[in-house]
Amino acid sequence: MGRKSRSTVAAISELGPGRRGIYILPNLLTSVGLFCGIFSIVQTMEGSYARAALAVLVAVIFDGLDGRVARLTNTTSRFGLEYDSLCDLVSFGVAPGLLIYKWALLPWGVLGWSAIALYVICAAVRLARFNISVGRVDSSYFMGLPVPASATMLASIVLMYRYVGRSGLPDKQVALLLITYALGLLMVSSIRYISFKRLQLHKRQPLWTFMATIIMLTVAVAAYPVFIFTSISIYVASGPAVWAYTTWKGSADESDGADDEDTPHQEALPG
């Protein structure tokens, strides 16, 4: 048996003992998310960009539900993890990429479709990196921008543009070209993003937390495009902002320490 065959067998053995059957509920939710991604692609091809964007956002909801349901019901599996990643590549890679390309980047030609190619490739790399790091890194943070978050950013731009009453495509192509490139690079970066996996909303919370949640839900219902666009923009920008602050703070601390070491210490003179 060659080296390649032995490595393949070793990789398969890491998946655990073979078991027939799969868990229905979490994988069903994952399949609904994939259906939303396919529906988004169809709507994009038909020119219904708002529906395509909404389908991506619905897929994001089901993507969050399947993992939580699997953990609550103790039905997590290696199959579910791999299946979820494949579905995410379609719903949050191909679907939003095609949406932005047809909606805004088509006039750019090679630059337009190469931006989408980079975005989808980075999404695939991000998902593969996530799969091999499960259980090995701190679950409080994501390494790189999560793929559903980048898809939400693109979909929210489409909905926000429609919300403000713009029907044409005058000036947004340049900005979206740069945003698409930036989102792709953020996904494969080492910048950390908070995961919110340790939020314990089922436990007792202060009254102000409940009231703040009610206010947020009210705003979300009244103007959901504005709410989604603002929230996801803050989240996407939070990673680079925190990284820049910590880098600057670390550099400042090192320079202060160097100054302290270089400063000569004068001996105390007797009075």
Protein backbone atom coordinates (compact mmCIF):
# COMPACT_ATOMS: atom_id res chain seq x y z
CA MET A 1 0.00 0.00 0.00
CA GLY A 2 1.44 3.36 -1.08
CA ARG A 3 1.86 6.44 1.05
CA LYS A 4 -1.19 8.10 -0.52
CA SER A 5 -3.39 5.06 0.17
CA ARG A 6 -2.23 4.86 3.79
CA SER A 7 -2.99 8.55 4.31
CA THR A 8 -6.44 8.09 2.82
CA VAL A 9 -7.22 5.18 5.11
CA ALA A 10 -5.96 7.18 8.10
CA ALA A 11 -8.16 10.11 7.16
CA ILE A 12 -11.20 7.87 6.85
CA SER A 13 -10.48 6.19 10.18
CA GLU A 14 -10.57 9.58 11.90
CA LEU A 15 -14.26 9.83 11.08
CA GLY A 16 -15.01 7.16 13.63
CA PRO A 17 -16.66 3.74 13.32
CA GLY A 18 -19.03 3.25 10.43
CA ARG A 19 -22.68 3.63 11.33
CA ARG A 20 -25.67 3.24 9.10
CA GLY A 21 -28.26 6.00 8.96
CA ILE A 22 -28.14 9.72 9.69
CA TYR A 23 -29.85 12.07 12.11
CA ILE A 24 -32.98 13.39 10.42
CA LEU A 25 -33.78 16.67 12.20
CA PRO A 26 -30.49 18.62 11.97
CA ASN A 27 -29.76 17.41 8.44
CA LEU A 28 -33.30 18.28 7.40
CA LEU A 29 -32.74 21.85 8.58
CA THR A 30 -29.45 21.91 6.67
CA SER A 31 -31.29 20.72 3.56
CA VAL A 32 -33.83 23.53 3.92
CA GLY A 33 -30.95 25.99 3.96
CA LEU A 34 -29.58 24.41 0.78
CA PHE A 35 -33.02 24.69 -0.80
CA CYS A 36 -33.02 28.41 0.02
CA GLY A 37 -29.63 28.76 -1.63
CA ILE A 38 -30.84 27.04 -4.80
CA PHE A 39 -33.98 29.19 -4.76
CA SER A 40 -31.76 32.28 -4.50
CA ILE A 41 -29.77 31.18 -7.56
CA VAL A 42 -32.97 30.66 -9.56
CA GLN A 43 -34.34 34.05 -8.53
CA THR A 44 -31.07 35.73 -9.49
CA MET A 45 -31.19 34.17 -12.95
CA GLU A 46 -34.76 35.46 -13.33
CA GLY A 47 -33.77 38.97 -12.24
CA SER A 48 -35.64 38.94 -8.89
CA TYR A 49 -32.71 40.20 -6.86
CA ALA A 50 -34.64 41.16 -3.73
CA ARG A 51 -36.12 37.66 -3.47
CA ALA A 52 -32.68 36.16 -4.04
CA ALA A 53 -31.25 38.26 -1.22
CA LEU A 54 -34.08 37.29 1.14
CA ALA A 55 -33.53 33.61 0.32
CA VAL A 56 -29.88 33.94 1.36
CA LEU A 57 -30.93 35.50 4.67
CA VAL A 58 -33.43 32.70 5.30
CA ALA A 59 -30.65 30.20 4.61
CA VAL A 60 -28.55 31.96 7.26
CA ILE A 61 -31.35 31.41 9.79
CA PHE A 62 -31.55 27.69 9.07
CA ASP A 63 -27.77 27.42 9.14
CA GLY A 64 -27.84 28.73 12.69
CA LEU A 65 -30.70 26.44 13.67
CA ASP A 66 -29.26 23.14 12.48
CA GLY A 67 -26.14 23.39 14.61
CA ARG A 68 -28.02 24.44 17.72
CA VAL A 69 -30.61 21.70 17.27
CA ALA A 70 -27.84 19.13 16.81
CA ARG A 71 -26.14 20.24 20.02
CA LEU A 72 -29.37 20.39 22.02
CA THR A 73 -30.51 16.95 20.86
CA ASN A 74 -27.01 15.45 21.03
CA THR A 75 -27.16 14.48 17.35
CA THR A 76 -23.90 15.98 16.14
CA SER A 77 -22.00 13.84 13.65
CA ARG A 78 -19.12 14.03 11.21
CA PHE A 79 -21.56 13.52 8.36
CA GLY A 80 -23.62 16.49 9.50
CA LEU A 81 -20.51 18.66 9.70
CA GLU A 82 -19.37 17.82 6.16
CA TYR A 83 -22.89 18.04 4.73
CA ASP A 84 -23.39 21.42 6.36
CA SER A 85 -20.18 22.75 4.81
CA LEU A 86 -21.14 21.58 1.33
CA CYS A 87 -24.54 23.22 1.65
CA ASP A 88 -22.97 26.41 3.00
CA LEU A 89 -20.72 26.65 -0.03
CA VAL A 90 -23.78 26.74 -2.27
CA SER A 91 -26.01 28.95 -0.09
CA PHE A 92 -23.34 31.39 1.13
CA GLY A 93 -20.72 31.12 -1.59
CA VAL A 94 -22.24 30.50 -5.00
CA ALA A 95 -25.69 32.04 -4.38
CA PRO A 96 -24.60 35.48 -3.05
CA GLY A 97 -21.68 35.54 -5.47
CA LEU A 98 -23.95 35.06 -8.47
CA LEU A 99 -26.40 37.58 -7.01
CA ILE A 100 -23.81 40.34 -6.70
CA TYR A 101 -22.29 39.53 -10.08
CA LYS A 102 -25.55 39.83 -12.00
CA TRP A 103 -26.81 42.74 -9.91
CA ALA A 104 -23.75 44.98 -9.98
CA LEU A 105 -20.49 43.45 -11.22
CA LEU A 106 -21.48 42.29 -14.70
CA PRO A 107 -20.25 45.53 -16.39
CA TRP A 108 -16.75 44.95 -14.99
CA GLY A 109 -16.13 41.92 -17.18
CA VAL A 110 -13.05 39.98 -16.10
CA LEU A 111 -12.65 41.99 -12.90
CA GLY A 112 -16.27 41.27 -12.01
CA TRP A 113 -16.27 37.50 -12.41
CA SER A 114 -12.76 37.18 -10.99
CA ALA A 115 -13.98 38.94 -7.84
CA ILE A 116 -16.76 36.39 -7.54
CA ALA A 117 -14.33 33.54 -8.25
CA LEU A 118 -12.08 34.77 -5.45
CA TYR A 119 -15.07 35.12 -3.13
CA VAL A 120 -16.28 31.54 -3.74
CA ILE A 121 -12.78 30.06 -3.48
CA CYS A 122 -12.16 31.89 -0.20
CA ALA A 123 -15.51 30.63 1.10
CA ALA A 124 -14.50 27.04 0.26
CA VAL A 125 -11.11 27.48 1.95
CA ARG A 126 -12.76 29.05 5.00
CA LEU A 127 -15.19 26.15 5.37
CA ALA A 128 -12.44 23.55 4.95
CA ARG A 129 -10.29 25.30 7.55
CA PHE A 130 -13.23 25.41 9.94
CA ASN A 131 -13.86 21.67 9.58
CA ILE A 132 -10.31 20.67 10.47
CA SER A 133 -10.19 23.06 13.43
CA VAL A 134 -13.38 21.90 15.14
CA GLY A 135 -12.59 20.97 18.73
CA ARG A 136 -9.02 22.29 18.48
CA VAL A 137 -9.56 26.04 18.85
CA ASP A 138 -11.46 28.29 21.23
CA SER A 139 -15.13 28.22 20.25
CA SER A 140 -15.63 31.76 21.53
CA TYR A 141 -14.08 33.14 18.36
CA PHE A 142 -14.01 32.42 14.64
CA MET A 143 -10.70 32.54 12.80
CA GLY A 144 -11.59 34.76 9.85
CA LEU A 145 -14.94 36.16 8.84
CA PRO A 146 -17.63 33.42 8.91
CA VAL A 147 -19.01 32.52 5.49
CA PRO A 148 -22.68 33.15 6.48
CA ALA A 149 -21.70 36.62 7.72
CA SER A 150 -20.08 37.53 4.40
CA ALA A 151 -23.17 36.28 2.53
CA THR A 152 -25.39 38.32 4.85
CA MET A 153 -23.31 41.41 4.09
CA LEU A 154 -23.81 41.04 0.34
CA ALA A 155 -27.51 40.23 0.62
CA SER A 156 -28.14 43.16 2.98
CA ILE A 157 -26.57 45.58 0.50
CA VAL A 158 -29.07 44.52 -2.16
CA LEU A 159 -32.00 44.93 0.25
CA MET A 160 -30.72 48.23 1.60
CA TYR A 161 -30.33 49.66 -1.89
CA ARG A 162 -33.89 48.69 -2.68
CA TYR A 163 -35.11 50.08 0.66
CA VAL A 164 -33.79 53.57 -0.03
CA GLY A 165 -35.66 53.63 -3.33
CA ARG A 166 -32.81 53.32 -5.81
CA SER A 167 -33.91 51.49 -8.94
CA GLY A 168 -30.86 51.96 -11.18
CA LEU A 169 -27.23 50.99 -10.71
CA PRO A 170 -25.40 54.35 -10.89
CA ASP A 171 -22.46 54.30 -8.49
CA LYS A 172 -22.45 51.09 -6.52
CA GLN A 173 -20.38 48.89 -8.85
CA VAL A 174 -16.99 50.21 -7.76
CA ALA A 175 -17.81 49.95 -4.06
CA LEU A 176 -19.24 46.45 -4.42
CA LEU A 177 -16.24 45.28 -6.43
CA LEU A 178 -13.95 46.33 -3.59
CA ILE A 179 -16.32 44.97 -0.93
CA THR A 180 -16.45 41.57 -2.65
CA TYR A 181 -12.66 41.35 -2.76
CA ALA A 182 -12.43 42.48 0.87
CA LEU A 183 -14.98 39.93 2.11
CA GLY A 184 -13.13 37.13 0.37
CA LEU A 185 -9.83 38.11 1.96
CA LEU A 186 -11.41 38.55 5.40
CA MET A 187 -12.78 35.01 5.26
CA VAL A 188 -9.31 33.48 4.88
CA SER A 189 -7.57 35.94 7.19
CA SER A 190 -6.42 35.24 10.75
CA ILE A 191 -8.56 38.06 12.16
CA ARG A 192 -10.74 36.85 15.01
CA TYR A 193 -14.51 37.38 15.14
CA ILE A 194 -16.69 36.70 18.14
CA SER A 195 -18.88 33.62 17.66
CA PHE A 196 -21.72 34.32 20.16
CA LYS A 197 -21.79 30.60 20.94
CA ARG A 198 -21.52 31.23 24.67
CA LEU A 199 -24.58 33.44 24.89
CA GLN A 200 -26.87 31.94 27.51
CA LEU A 201 -30.21 33.55 26.79
CA HIS A 202 -32.05 30.71 28.49
CA LYS A 203 -30.75 31.82 31.88
CA ARG A 204 -31.95 34.72 34.01
CA GLN A 205 -30.95 38.14 32.67
CA PRO A 206 -31.40 41.72 33.93
CA LEU A 207 -34.63 43.48 33.02
CA TRP A 208 -32.79 46.02 30.83
CA THR A 209 -31.55 43.15 28.65
CA PHE A 210 -35.14 42.06 28.01
CA MET A 211 -36.24 45.62 27.19
CA ALA A 212 -33.26 46.16 24.88
CA THR A 213 -34.14 42.96 23.06
CA ILE A 214 -37.74 44.12 22.61
CA ILE A 215 -36.55 47.45 21.19
CA MET A 216 -34.18 45.70 18.78
CA LEU A 217 -36.93 43.38 17.58
CA THR A 218 -39.26 46.34 17.06
CA VAL A 219 -36.67 48.13 14.94
CA ALA A 220 -35.96 44.93 13.05
CA VAL A 221 -39.62 44.46 12.16
CA ALA A 222 -40.19 48.12 11.26
CA ALA A 223 -37.11 48.45 9.02
CA TYR A 224 -35.43 45.09 8.66
CA PRO A 225 -33.15 46.08 5.73
CA VAL A 226 -31.66 48.92 7.78
CA PHE A 227 -31.35 46.74 10.88
CA ILE A 228 -29.67 43.84 9.06
CA PHE A 229 -27.35 46.08 7.05
CA THR A 230 -26.28 48.08 10.11
CA SER A 231 -25.78 45.03 12.33
CA ILE A 232 -23.77 43.01 9.83
CA SER A 233 -21.67 46.06 8.85
CA ILE A 234 -20.70 46.57 12.49
CA TYR A 235 -19.85 42.88 12.84
CA VAL A 236 -17.73 42.77 9.67
CA ALA A 237 -15.87 45.93 10.69
CA SER A 238 -15.38 44.77 14.29
CA GLY A 239 -12.74 42.20 13.35
CA PRO A 240 -10.30 44.55 11.59
CA ALA A 241 -10.99 47.28 14.17
CA VAL A 242 -10.14 45.04 17.13
CA TRP A 243 -7.11 43.64 15.28
CA ALA A 244 -5.82 47.15 14.53
CA TYR A 245 -6.36 48.26 18.14
CA THR A 246 -4.61 45.25 19.66
CA THR A 247 -1.74 45.56 17.19
CA TRP A 248 -1.32 49.25 17.97
CA LYS A 249 -1.57 48.62 21.71
CA GLY A 250 0.99 45.84 21.53
CA SER A 251 3.37 48.04 19.59
CA ALA A 252 2.87 50.88 22.08
CA ASP A 253 3.55 48.57 25.03
CA GLU A 254 6.73 47.24 23.40
CA SER A 255 7.99 50.75 22.69
CA ASP A 256 7.27 51.82 26.26
CA GLY A 257 9.17 48.82 27.57
CA ALA A 258 12.11 49.59 25.29
CA ASP A 259 12.17 53.20 26.50
CA ASP A 260 12.21 52.06 30.10
CA GLU A 261 15.15 49.76 29.44
CA ASP A 262 17.14 52.43 27.54
CA THR A 263 16.60 55.14 30.16
CA PRO A 264 19.66 55.33 32.45
CA HIS A 265 18.89 54.99 36.13
CA GLN A 266 20.56 57.69 38.21
CA GLU A 267 21.86 56.63 41.55
CA ALA A 268 20.47 58.51 44.50
CA LEU A 269 22.92 61.05 45.83
CA PRO A 270 23.41 61.30 49.58
CA GLY A 271 21.76 64.33 51.07
